[in-house]
Amino acid sequence: MQCYYCDAGARAVCGFCGAAVCRDHTRTARYVSGVTYAGERWFVGADTVFTDYVVTDNAIWCGRCAVRVSRGKT
């Protein structure tokens, strides 16, 4: 596999965009993955909403993709 940016041998894959990256293009960033549950979809009351998430510090990042927060209705 080759680096997406310079065609050198890839060492990792960006956890955000999926681009293969070499040692020179590897950076790290905080990666948060989560899901929000609404009560009517699960076994809790209809007015209950809660979120589960996993935080990974020092996740592989290519350093070029733009990471943004997207909030939507659940």
Protein backbone atom coordinates (compact mmCIF):
# COMPACT_ATOMS: atom_id res chain seq x y z
CA MET A 1 0.00 0.00 0.00
CA GLN A 2 1.30 3.47 -0.90
CA CYS A 3 0.91 6.80 0.91
CA TYR A 4 -2.00 8.79 -0.50
CA TYR A 5 0.05 11.99 -0.48
CA CYS A 6 3.55 11.04 -1.69
CA ASP A 7 3.49 7.39 -2.92
CA ALA A 8 6.01 6.22 -0.30
CA GLY A 9 5.30 2.97 1.54
CA ALA A 10 2.31 3.40 3.85
CA ARG A 11 2.74 2.73 7.58
CA ALA A 12 -0.80 3.43 8.82
CA VAL A 13 -4.33 4.41 7.82
CA CYS A 14 -5.98 7.67 8.88
CA GLY A 15 -8.74 6.89 11.37
CA PHE A 16 -10.80 9.82 10.10
CA CYS A 17 -10.72 9.64 6.27
CA GLY A 18 -9.16 6.21 5.62
CA ALA A 19 -6.17 7.48 3.62
CA ALA A 20 -3.02 5.36 3.80
CA VAL A 21 -0.11 7.45 5.12
CA CYS A 22 3.67 7.09 5.33
CA ARG A 23 5.79 7.94 8.38
CA ASP A 24 6.24 11.58 7.24
CA HIS A 25 2.50 12.20 6.81
CA THR A 26 1.37 10.50 10.03
CA ARG A 27 -0.03 12.78 12.73
CA THR A 28 -2.19 12.05 15.77
CA ALA A 29 -5.48 13.50 16.93
CA ARG A 30 -8.25 12.71 19.38
CA TYR A 31 -10.91 10.42 17.87
CA VAL A 32 -14.38 10.27 19.42
CA SER A 33 -16.95 7.77 18.21
CA GLY A 34 -20.43 7.86 19.66
CA VAL A 35 -24.07 7.04 19.24
CA THR A 36 -27.14 8.60 20.85
CA TYR A 37 -30.06 6.42 21.90
CA ALA A 38 -33.60 7.77 22.21
CA GLY A 39 -35.88 6.07 24.72
CA GLU A 40 -38.63 5.12 22.29
CA ARG A 41 -36.15 3.01 20.34
CA TRP A 42 -34.97 1.02 23.34
CA PHE A 43 -36.33 -0.41 26.55
CA VAL A 44 -36.20 2.86 28.52
CA GLY A 45 -38.82 5.61 28.90
CA ALA A 46 -39.81 7.69 25.89
CA ASP A 47 -38.34 10.88 27.39
CA THR A 48 -34.93 9.33 28.10
CA VAL A 49 -31.95 10.09 25.84
CA PHE A 50 -28.40 8.96 26.51
CA THR A 51 -25.14 8.75 24.60
CA ASP A 52 -22.42 6.09 24.55
CA TYR A 53 -19.03 6.99 23.16
CA VAL A 54 -15.44 5.86 22.97
CA VAL A 55 -12.52 8.30 23.07
CA THR A 56 -9.18 7.37 21.52
CA ASP A 57 -6.28 9.72 22.18
CA ASN A 58 -3.36 9.70 19.71
CA ALA A 59 -5.39 8.13 16.89
CA ILE A 60 -3.66 8.12 13.50
CA TRP A 61 -4.54 11.21 11.47
CA CYS A 62 -3.21 12.14 8.03
CA GLY A 63 -3.04 15.80 9.04
CA ARG A 64 -4.91 17.00 5.95
CA CYS A 65 -8.50 15.81 6.16
CA ALA A 66 -10.91 18.29 7.75
CA VAL A 67 -12.55 16.80 10.82
CA ARG A 68 -15.80 18.44 11.92
CA VAL A 69 -18.69 17.70 14.26
CA SER A 70 -22.01 16.86 12.68
CA ARG A 71 -25.08 16.95 14.88
CA GLY A 72 -28.33 15.51 13.66
CA LYS A 73 -31.70 14.52 15.03
CA THR A 74 -31.96 11.05 16.53
